Amino acid sequence: MGMGGGSAGNLPPTVKVTNGVLTDPQGLTLYTFDRDTAGSGKSACNGPCATNWPPLMAAPGTSGSGQYTIITRDDGSKQWAYRGLPLYRFAKDAKPGDRTGDNVNNVWHVAKP
């Protein structure tokens, strides 16, 4: 499936690499969750968890590319994943460059390319 291409060309429009970490289009840091199982196609962060850690949503009809895939959340919405791990923002990150979610409870980590 797909033609492959340059490494930078495989970033979905919703993800950027900023200063060595994955960010959303606004430049806000993205995180992964250790309780998620890579490649499971599911997110372990639902309900109140997803309020603190908003999922990086994928628009309907979007398809993954390269290391980026799309999983279906418990509520049926679509979320971006990188190397099989769903991507999230942290509600307390207010501006680009904030990384206040890194190592929270030792299960949340900045997503790196």
N, C-alpha and C. Protein backbone atom coordinates (compact mmCIF):
# COMPACT_ATOMS: atom_id res chain seq x y z
N MET A 1 0.85 -1.20 0.00
CA MET A 1 0.00 0.00 0.00
C MET A 1 0.88 1.24 0.00
N GLY A 2 0.58 2.20 -0.86
CA GLY A 2 1.30 3.47 -0.85
C GLY A 2 2.64 3.33 -1.54
N MET A 3 3.25 4.46 -1.81
CA MET A 3 4.47 4.48 -2.58
C MET A 3 5.71 4.69 -1.72
N GLY A 4 5.56 5.01 -0.46
CA GLY A 4 6.73 5.33 0.34
C GLY A 4 7.23 6.70 -0.07
N GLY A 5 8.29 7.20 0.57
CA GLY A 5 8.77 8.53 0.23
C GLY A 5 9.78 8.98 1.26
N GLY A 6 10.09 10.25 1.25
CA GLY A 6 11.07 10.78 2.21
C GLY A 6 10.56 10.64 3.62
N SER A 7 11.48 10.62 4.57
CA SER A 7 11.08 10.42 5.95
C SER A 7 10.17 11.56 6.42
N ALA A 8 10.51 12.80 6.04
CA ALA A 8 9.69 13.92 6.48
C ALA A 8 8.35 13.93 5.76
N GLY A 9 8.30 13.36 4.58
CA GLY A 9 7.07 13.37 3.80
C GLY A 9 5.99 12.48 4.37
N ASN A 10 6.35 11.64 5.34
CA ASN A 10 5.37 10.71 5.88
C ASN A 10 4.62 11.27 7.08
N LEU A 11 4.94 12.50 7.47
CA LEU A 11 4.21 13.07 8.59
C LEU A 11 2.79 13.40 8.17
N PRO A 12 1.81 12.97 8.96
CA PRO A 12 0.44 13.41 8.65
C PRO A 12 0.33 14.91 8.90
N PRO A 13 -0.67 15.54 8.28
CA PRO A 13 -0.79 17.00 8.42
C PRO A 13 -1.01 17.44 9.86
N THR A 14 -1.42 16.52 10.72
CA THR A 14 -1.70 16.88 12.11
C THR A 14 -0.49 16.79 13.01
N VAL A 15 0.64 16.31 12.49
CA VAL A 15 1.83 16.11 13.34
C VAL A 15 3.03 16.84 12.75
N LYS A 16 3.79 17.49 13.62
CA LYS A 16 5.04 18.12 13.22
C LYS A 16 6.13 17.61 14.16
N VAL A 17 7.38 17.78 13.74
CA VAL A 17 8.50 17.52 14.65
C VAL A 17 9.11 18.86 15.01
N THR A 18 9.10 19.20 16.30
CA THR A 18 9.62 20.48 16.77
C THR A 18 10.65 20.22 17.86
N ASN A 19 11.87 20.65 17.63
CA ASN A 19 12.93 20.47 18.63
C ASN A 19 13.04 19.01 19.09
N GLY A 20 12.90 18.09 18.15
CA GLY A 20 13.12 16.69 18.47
C GLY A 20 11.96 15.97 19.12
N VAL A 21 10.81 16.62 19.24
CA VAL A 21 9.64 15.94 19.78
C VAL A 21 8.47 16.12 18.81
N LEU A 22 7.51 15.20 18.90
CA LEU A 22 6.33 15.32 18.06
C LEU A 22 5.38 16.35 18.67
N THR A 23 4.83 17.21 17.82
CA THR A 23 3.87 18.21 18.28
C THR A 23 2.66 18.23 17.37
N ASP A 24 1.59 18.84 17.86
CA ASP A 24 0.40 19.01 17.03
C ASP A 24 0.60 20.25 16.14
N PRO A 25 -0.38 20.58 15.29
CA PRO A 25 -0.17 21.70 14.36
C PRO A 25 0.07 23.04 15.06
N GLN A 26 -0.38 23.18 16.31
CA GLN A 26 -0.16 24.42 17.06
C GLN A 26 1.20 24.42 17.76
N GLY A 27 1.95 23.32 17.61
CA GLY A 27 3.26 23.25 18.23
C GLY A 27 3.23 22.71 19.65
N LEU A 28 2.06 22.24 20.10
CA LEU A 28 1.96 21.69 21.45
C LEU A 28 2.49 20.26 21.49
N THR A 29 3.20 19.94 22.56
CA THR A 29 3.88 18.66 22.70
C THR A 29 2.88 17.50 22.70
N LEU A 30 3.27 16.41 22.03
CA LEU A 30 2.47 15.19 22.03
C LEU A 30 3.14 14.14 22.93
N TYR A 31 2.30 13.28 23.49
CA TYR A 31 2.76 12.29 24.45
C TYR A 31 2.24 10.90 24.09
N THR A 32 2.94 9.88 24.64
CA THR A 32 2.43 8.52 24.58
C THR A 32 2.20 8.03 26.01
N PHE A 33 1.39 6.98 26.13
CA PHE A 33 0.91 6.47 27.41
C PHE A 33 1.38 5.03 27.56
N ASP A 34 2.14 4.73 28.64
CA ASP A 34 2.69 3.38 28.80
C ASP A 34 1.61 2.31 28.95
N ARG A 35 0.40 2.68 29.33
CA ARG A 35 -0.64 1.65 29.48
C ARG A 35 -1.27 1.27 28.15
N ASP A 36 -0.96 2.04 27.11
CA ASP A 36 -1.40 1.63 25.77
C ASP A 36 -0.49 0.52 25.27
N THR A 37 -1.07 -0.44 24.56
CA THR A 37 -0.29 -1.52 23.97
C THR A 37 -0.04 -1.20 22.50
N ALA A 38 1.23 -1.07 22.13
CA ALA A 38 1.58 -0.70 20.76
C ALA A 38 0.97 -1.69 19.78
N GLY A 39 0.32 -1.17 18.77
CA GLY A 39 -0.24 -2.01 17.72
C GLY A 39 -1.58 -2.63 18.05
N SER A 40 -2.11 -2.33 19.25
CA SER A 40 -3.40 -2.93 19.63
C SER A 40 -4.57 -2.26 18.92
N GLY A 41 -4.34 -1.05 18.41
CA GLY A 41 -5.42 -0.33 17.75
C GLY A 41 -6.42 0.26 18.72
N LYS A 42 -6.06 0.28 20.02
CA LYS A 42 -6.97 0.82 21.03
C LYS A 42 -6.23 1.84 21.90
N SER A 43 -7.02 2.66 22.60
CA SER A 43 -6.48 3.59 23.58
C SER A 43 -6.95 3.18 24.96
N ALA A 44 -6.01 3.20 25.94
CA ALA A 44 -6.37 2.89 27.33
C ALA A 44 -6.77 4.16 28.08
N CYS A 45 -6.78 5.30 27.37
CA CYS A 45 -7.08 6.58 28.01
C CYS A 45 -8.43 7.08 27.53
N ASN A 46 -9.46 6.82 28.34
CA ASN A 46 -10.83 7.22 27.99
C ASN A 46 -11.45 7.94 29.18
N GLY A 47 -12.62 8.54 28.96
CA GLY A 47 -13.32 9.20 30.06
C GLY A 47 -12.50 10.33 30.65
N PRO A 48 -12.38 10.39 32.00
CA PRO A 48 -11.66 11.49 32.65
C PRO A 48 -10.22 11.59 32.17
N CYS A 49 -9.61 10.45 31.86
CA CYS A 49 -8.23 10.46 31.38
C CYS A 49 -8.13 11.30 30.10
N ALA A 50 -9.08 11.13 29.20
CA ALA A 50 -9.03 11.84 27.92
C ALA A 50 -9.34 13.33 28.08
N THR A 51 -9.89 13.73 29.25
CA THR A 51 -10.07 15.15 29.51
C THR A 51 -8.72 15.80 29.83
N ASN A 52 -7.91 15.08 30.63
CA ASN A 52 -6.57 15.58 30.96
C ASN A 52 -5.59 15.40 29.82
N TRP A 53 -5.81 14.35 29.03
CA TRP A 53 -4.91 13.99 27.94
C TRP A 53 -5.71 13.91 26.65
N PRO A 54 -6.00 15.06 26.03
CA PRO A 54 -6.86 15.03 24.83
C PRO A 54 -6.20 14.25 23.70
N PRO A 55 -6.91 13.30 23.12
CA PRO A 55 -6.35 12.53 22.01
C PRO A 55 -6.08 13.43 20.81
N LEU A 56 -5.05 13.09 20.05
CA LEU A 56 -4.80 13.79 18.79
C LEU A 56 -5.72 13.16 17.75
N MET A 57 -6.81 13.86 17.46
CA MET A 57 -7.86 13.30 16.63
C MET A 57 -7.48 13.32 15.15
N ALA A 58 -7.95 12.32 14.43
CA ALA A 58 -7.77 12.25 12.99
C ALA A 58 -9.11 12.56 12.32
N ALA A 59 -9.06 13.41 11.30
CA ALA A 59 -10.28 13.79 10.59
C ALA A 59 -10.86 12.57 9.87
N PRO A 60 -12.20 12.51 9.75
CA PRO A 60 -12.82 11.41 9.01
C PRO A 60 -12.25 11.33 7.60
N GLY A 61 -12.02 10.12 7.13
CA GLY A 61 -11.53 9.94 5.78
C GLY A 61 -10.02 10.05 5.66
N THR A 62 -9.33 10.40 6.75
CA THR A 62 -7.88 10.48 6.73
C THR A 62 -7.31 9.06 6.80
N SER A 63 -6.20 8.84 6.12
CA SER A 63 -5.55 7.54 6.23
C SER A 63 -4.12 7.72 6.74
N GLY A 64 -3.63 6.70 7.38
CA GLY A 64 -2.28 6.77 7.93
C GLY A 64 -1.23 6.70 6.85
N SER A 65 0.02 7.00 7.22
CA SER A 65 1.13 6.87 6.29
C SER A 65 2.40 6.62 7.08
N GLY A 66 3.26 5.77 6.54
CA GLY A 66 4.52 5.48 7.21
C GLY A 66 4.28 4.91 8.59
N GLN A 67 4.96 5.49 9.60
CA GLN A 67 4.85 5.02 10.98
C GLN A 67 3.56 5.51 11.64
N TYR A 68 2.82 6.37 10.93
CA TYR A 68 1.61 6.95 11.51
C TYR A 68 0.39 6.15 11.09
N THR A 69 -0.37 5.73 12.07
CA THR A 69 -1.59 4.98 11.79
C THR A 69 -2.74 5.64 12.53
N ILE A 70 -3.94 5.16 12.26
CA ILE A 70 -5.13 5.71 12.90
C ILE A 70 -5.84 4.58 13.64
N ILE A 71 -6.11 4.81 14.92
CA ILE A 71 -6.85 3.83 15.71
C ILE A 71 -8.27 4.33 15.94
N THR A 72 -9.14 3.41 16.33
CA THR A 72 -10.52 3.77 16.67
C THR A 72 -10.68 3.72 18.18
N ARG A 73 -11.08 4.87 18.76
CA ARG A 73 -11.25 4.95 20.20
C ARG A 73 -12.55 4.27 20.63
N ASP A 74 -12.69 4.08 21.95
CA ASP A 74 -13.88 3.40 22.48
C ASP A 74 -15.17 4.07 22.05
N ASP A 75 -15.13 5.40 21.86
CA ASP A 75 -16.36 6.11 21.48
C ASP A 75 -16.54 6.17 19.96
N GLY A 76 -15.65 5.48 19.23
CA GLY A 76 -15.79 5.42 17.78
C GLY A 76 -15.03 6.51 17.03
N SER A 77 -14.48 7.50 17.76
CA SER A 77 -13.72 8.55 17.08
C SER A 77 -12.35 8.01 16.69
N LYS A 78 -11.67 8.74 15.83
CA LYS A 78 -10.39 8.29 15.30
C LYS A 78 -9.24 9.10 15.90
N GLN A 79 -8.15 8.41 16.19
CA GLN A 79 -7.00 9.03 16.85
C GLN A 79 -5.73 8.62 16.13
N TRP A 80 -4.80 9.57 15.99
CA TRP A 80 -3.50 9.26 15.41
C TRP A 80 -2.66 8.44 16.37
N ALA A 81 -1.88 7.52 15.81
CA ALA A 81 -0.90 6.76 16.57
C ALA A 81 0.43 6.81 15.83
N TYR A 82 1.52 6.70 16.58
CA TYR A 82 2.85 6.69 16.00
C TYR A 82 3.56 5.43 16.48
N ARG A 83 4.06 4.63 15.52
CA ARG A 83 4.66 3.33 15.84
C ARG A 83 3.71 2.51 16.70
N GLY A 84 2.41 2.61 16.42
CA GLY A 84 1.41 1.81 17.10
C GLY A 84 0.93 2.37 18.41
N LEU A 85 1.51 3.50 18.88
CA LEU A 85 1.09 4.08 20.16
C LEU A 85 0.26 5.34 19.92
N PRO A 86 -0.95 5.40 20.48
CA PRO A 86 -1.78 6.60 20.31
C PRO A 86 -1.08 7.85 20.84
N LEU A 87 -1.38 8.97 20.20
CA LEU A 87 -0.77 10.26 20.56
C LEU A 87 -1.78 11.15 21.28
N TYR A 88 -1.30 11.85 22.30
CA TYR A 88 -2.14 12.72 23.13
C TYR A 88 -1.46 14.05 23.36
N ARG A 89 -2.27 15.08 23.67
CA ARG A 89 -1.75 16.32 24.23
C ARG A 89 -1.99 16.28 25.74
N PHE A 90 -1.42 17.26 26.45
CA PHE A 90 -1.66 17.35 27.89
C PHE A 90 -2.40 18.66 28.15
N ALA A 91 -3.49 18.58 28.92
CA ALA A 91 -4.35 19.75 29.11
C ALA A 91 -3.60 20.92 29.75
N LYS A 92 -2.57 20.65 30.54
CA LYS A 92 -1.88 21.73 31.25
C LYS A 92 -0.80 22.41 30.41
N ASP A 93 -0.49 21.84 29.25
CA ASP A 93 0.45 22.51 28.35
C ASP A 93 -0.26 23.69 27.70
N ALA A 94 0.23 24.90 27.96
CA ALA A 94 -0.48 26.10 27.51
C ALA A 94 0.09 26.66 26.21
N LYS A 95 1.37 26.43 25.95
CA LYS A 95 1.98 27.05 24.78
C LYS A 95 3.02 26.11 24.19
N PRO A 96 3.38 26.35 22.92
CA PRO A 96 4.39 25.51 22.29
C PRO A 96 5.66 25.48 23.14
N GLY A 97 6.25 24.30 23.26
CA GLY A 97 7.46 24.15 24.04
C GLY A 97 7.20 23.65 25.45
N ASP A 98 5.95 23.83 25.94
CA ASP A 98 5.62 23.28 27.26
C ASP A 98 5.69 21.75 27.20
N ARG A 99 6.30 21.16 28.23
CA ARG A 99 6.38 19.69 28.30
C ARG A 99 6.03 19.25 29.72
N THR A 100 5.00 19.86 30.28
CA THR A 100 4.67 19.59 31.68
C THR A 100 4.12 18.18 31.88
N GLY A 101 3.75 17.51 30.80
CA GLY A 101 3.22 16.15 30.94
C GLY A 101 4.27 15.08 30.95
N ASP A 102 5.54 15.44 30.69
CA ASP A 102 6.56 14.40 30.57
C ASP A 102 6.79 13.71 31.90
N ASN A 103 6.71 12.38 31.89
CA ASN A 103 6.96 11.52 33.06
C ASN A 103 5.91 11.67 34.16
N VAL A 104 4.73 12.22 33.84
CA VAL A 104 3.65 12.25 34.82
C VAL A 104 3.31 10.80 35.21
N ASN A 105 3.30 10.53 36.50
CA ASN A 105 3.02 9.19 37.04
C ASN A 105 3.93 8.12 36.46
N ASN A 106 5.03 8.54 35.84
CA ASN A 106 5.97 7.62 35.19
C ASN A 106 5.34 6.80 34.07
N VAL A 107 4.18 7.22 33.57
CA VAL A 107 3.56 6.48 32.47
C VAL A 107 3.31 7.33 31.22
N TRP A 108 3.51 8.63 31.35
CA TRP A 108 3.34 9.54 30.21
C TRP A 108 4.70 10.06 29.77
N HIS A 109 4.95 10.02 28.47
CA HIS A 109 6.26 10.42 27.96
C HIS A 109 6.12 11.23 26.69
N VAL A 110 7.00 12.22 26.55
CA VAL A 110 7.04 12.99 25.31
C VAL A 110 7.26 12.03 24.13
N ALA A 111 6.46 12.22 23.08
CA ALA A 111 6.60 11.39 21.88
C ALA A 111 7.75 11.93 21.04
N LYS A 112 8.68 11.04 20.69
CA LYS A 112 9.84 11.45 19.89
C LYS A 112 9.85 10.68 18.58
N PRO A 113 10.30 11.33 17.53
CA PRO A 113 10.30 10.65 16.23
C PRO A 113 11.38 9.55 16.17
